[in-house]
Amino acid sequence: MIGVVGILIVAIGIAIIEIRNLLKKEDRKELWTFGIFLLVGTGLGIAKVLNVHIPSPMKGLTIILKPLSKLFYGFL
């Protein structure tokens, strides 16, 4: 539980510093991108601290690309 609180404190600190700078520059696209990446990163960090199994992104890519690989191999 201490790990979750630590991650949230760090994420909030980063958000305060970065959002203030992005609002001064009025860069809305970068602000949205930063927010999305910060939320995803914070969520993954909390999941890791709580020992939640996070599957590898390579498994999803393999499922998608394996049929394409077989298709292209058939052409050669």
C-alpha atoms as a PDB file:
ATOM      1  CA  MET A   1       0.000   0.000   0.000  1.00  0.00           C
ATOM      2  CA  ILE A   2       2.900   2.337   0.686  1.00  0.00           C
ATOM      3  CA  GLY A   3       4.142   1.707  -2.864  1.00  0.00           C
ATOM      4  CA  VAL A   4       0.801   2.778  -4.340  1.00  0.00           C
ATOM      5  CA  VAL A   5       0.795   5.976  -2.273  1.00  0.00           C
ATOM      6  CA  GLY A   6       4.399   6.671  -3.293  1.00  0.00           C
ATOM      7  CA  ILE A   7       3.596   6.241  -6.982  1.00  0.00           C
ATOM      8  CA  LEU A   8       0.569   8.528  -6.674  1.00  0.00           C
ATOM      9  CA  ILE A   9       2.576  11.219  -4.864  1.00  0.00           C
ATOM     10  CA  VAL A  10       5.297  11.146  -7.527  1.00  0.00           C
ATOM     11  CA  ALA A  11       2.725  11.200 -10.357  1.00  0.00           C
ATOM     12  CA  ILE A  12       0.896  14.138  -8.807  1.00  0.00           C
ATOM     13  CA  GLY A  13       4.173  16.019  -8.346  1.00  0.00           C
ATOM     14  CA  ILE A  14       5.159  15.425 -11.955  1.00  0.00           C
ATOM     15  CA  ALA A  15       1.696  16.451 -13.137  1.00  0.00           C
ATOM     16  CA  ILE A  16       1.743  19.710 -11.179  1.00  0.00           C
ATOM     17  CA  ILE A  17       5.128  20.725 -12.553  1.00  0.00           C
ATOM     18  CA  GLU A  18       4.504  19.710 -16.160  1.00  0.00           C
ATOM     19  CA  ILE A  19       0.896  20.824 -16.490  1.00  0.00           C
ATOM     20  CA  ARG A  20       1.772  24.294 -15.231  1.00  0.00           C
ATOM     21  CA  ASN A  21       4.484  24.619 -17.895  1.00  0.00           C
ATOM     22  CA  LEU A  22       2.250  23.251 -20.659  1.00  0.00           C
ATOM     23  CA  LEU A  23      -0.582  25.604 -19.769  1.00  0.00           C
ATOM     24  CA  LYS A  24       1.795  28.578 -19.941  1.00  0.00           C
ATOM     25  CA  LYS A  25       2.831  27.529 -23.468  1.00  0.00           C
ATOM     26  CA  GLU A  26      -0.836  26.884 -24.349  1.00  0.00           C
ATOM     27  CA  ASP A  27       0.114  23.596 -25.983  1.00  0.00           C
ATOM     28  CA  ARG A  28      -3.134  21.609 -25.736  1.00  0.00           C
ATOM     29  CA  LYS A  29      -2.115  18.612 -27.859  1.00  0.00           C
ATOM     30  CA  GLU A  30       1.026  18.026 -25.845  1.00  0.00           C
ATOM     31  CA  LEU A  31      -0.977  18.434 -22.633  1.00  0.00           C
ATOM     32  CA  TRP A  32      -3.430  15.707 -23.686  1.00  0.00           C
ATOM     33  CA  THR A  33      -0.616  13.413 -24.772  1.00  0.00           C
ATOM     34  CA  PHE A  34       1.242  13.978 -21.509  1.00  0.00           C
ATOM     35  CA  GLY A  35      -1.903  13.279 -19.490  1.00  0.00           C
ATOM     36  CA  ILE A  36      -2.643  10.042 -21.292  1.00  0.00           C
ATOM     37  CA  PHE A  37       0.916   8.762 -20.951  1.00  0.00           C
ATOM     38  CA  LEU A  38       1.055   9.771 -17.284  1.00  0.00           C
ATOM     39  CA  LEU A  39      -2.220   7.953 -16.553  1.00  0.00           C
ATOM     40  CA  VAL A  40      -1.117   4.803 -18.374  1.00  0.00           C
ATOM     41  CA  GLY A  41       2.289   4.840 -16.702  1.00  0.00           C
ATOM     42  CA  THR A  42       0.805   5.442 -13.268  1.00  0.00           C
ATOM     43  CA  GLY A  43      -1.718   2.652 -13.783  1.00  0.00           C
ATOM     44  CA  LEU A  44       0.967   0.205 -14.884  1.00  0.00           C
ATOM     45  CA  GLY A  45       3.184   1.199 -11.968  1.00  0.00           C
ATOM     46  CA  ILE A  46       0.383   0.633  -9.476  1.00  0.00           C
ATOM     47  CA  ALA A  47      -0.489  -2.696 -11.091  1.00  0.00           C
ATOM     48  CA  LYS A  48       3.147  -3.782 -10.834  1.00  0.00           C
ATOM     49  CA  VAL A  49       3.322  -2.821  -7.146  1.00  0.00           C
ATOM     50  CA  LEU A  50       0.133  -4.805  -6.488  1.00  0.00           C
ATOM     51  CA  ASN A  51       1.628  -7.857  -8.297  1.00  0.00           C
ATOM     52  CA  VAL A  52      -1.009  -7.878 -11.030  1.00  0.00           C
ATOM     53  CA  HIS A  53       0.060  -9.963 -14.029  1.00  0.00           C
ATOM     54  CA  ILE A  54       0.698  -7.626 -16.957  1.00  0.00           C
ATOM     55  CA  PRO A  55       0.971  -9.532 -20.243  1.00  0.00           C
ATOM     56  CA  SER A  56       3.753  -8.727 -22.641  1.00  0.00           C
ATOM     57  CA  PRO A  57       2.792  -6.545 -25.613  1.00  0.00           C
ATOM     58  CA  MET A  58       4.778  -8.949 -27.798  1.00  0.00           C
ATOM     59  CA  LYS A  59       2.131 -11.660 -27.298  1.00  0.00           C
ATOM     60  CA  GLY A  60      -0.522  -9.399 -28.808  1.00  0.00           C
ATOM     61  CA  LEU A  61       1.730  -8.477 -31.715  1.00  0.00           C
ATOM     62  CA  THR A  62       2.517 -12.139 -32.319  1.00  0.00           C
ATOM     63  CA  ILE A  63      -1.183 -13.022 -32.446  1.00  0.00           C
ATOM     64  CA  ILE A  64      -1.799 -10.253 -34.980  1.00  0.00           C
ATOM     65  CA  LEU A  65       1.306 -10.673 -37.152  1.00  0.00           C
ATOM     66  CA  LYS A  66       1.661 -14.479 -37.271  1.00  0.00           C
ATOM     67  CA  PRO A  67      -1.154 -14.956 -39.844  1.00  0.00           C
ATOM     68  CA  LEU A  68       0.296 -12.137 -41.950  1.00  0.00           C
ATOM     69  CA  SER A  69       3.713 -13.775 -41.795  1.00  0.00           C
ATOM     70  CA  LYS A  70       2.278 -17.075 -43.008  1.00  0.00           C
ATOM     71  CA  LEU A  71       0.443 -15.286 -45.813  1.00  0.00           C
ATOM     72  CA  PHE A  72       3.576 -13.509 -47.040  1.00  0.00           C
ATOM     73  CA  TYR A  73       5.660 -16.678 -46.671  1.00  0.00           C
ATOM     74  CA  GLY A  74       3.175 -18.427 -48.972  1.00  0.00           C
ATOM     75  CA  PHE A  75       3.827 -15.839 -51.692  1.00  0.00           C
ATOM     76  CA  LEU A  76       7.574 -16.456 -51.588  1.00  0.00           C
END
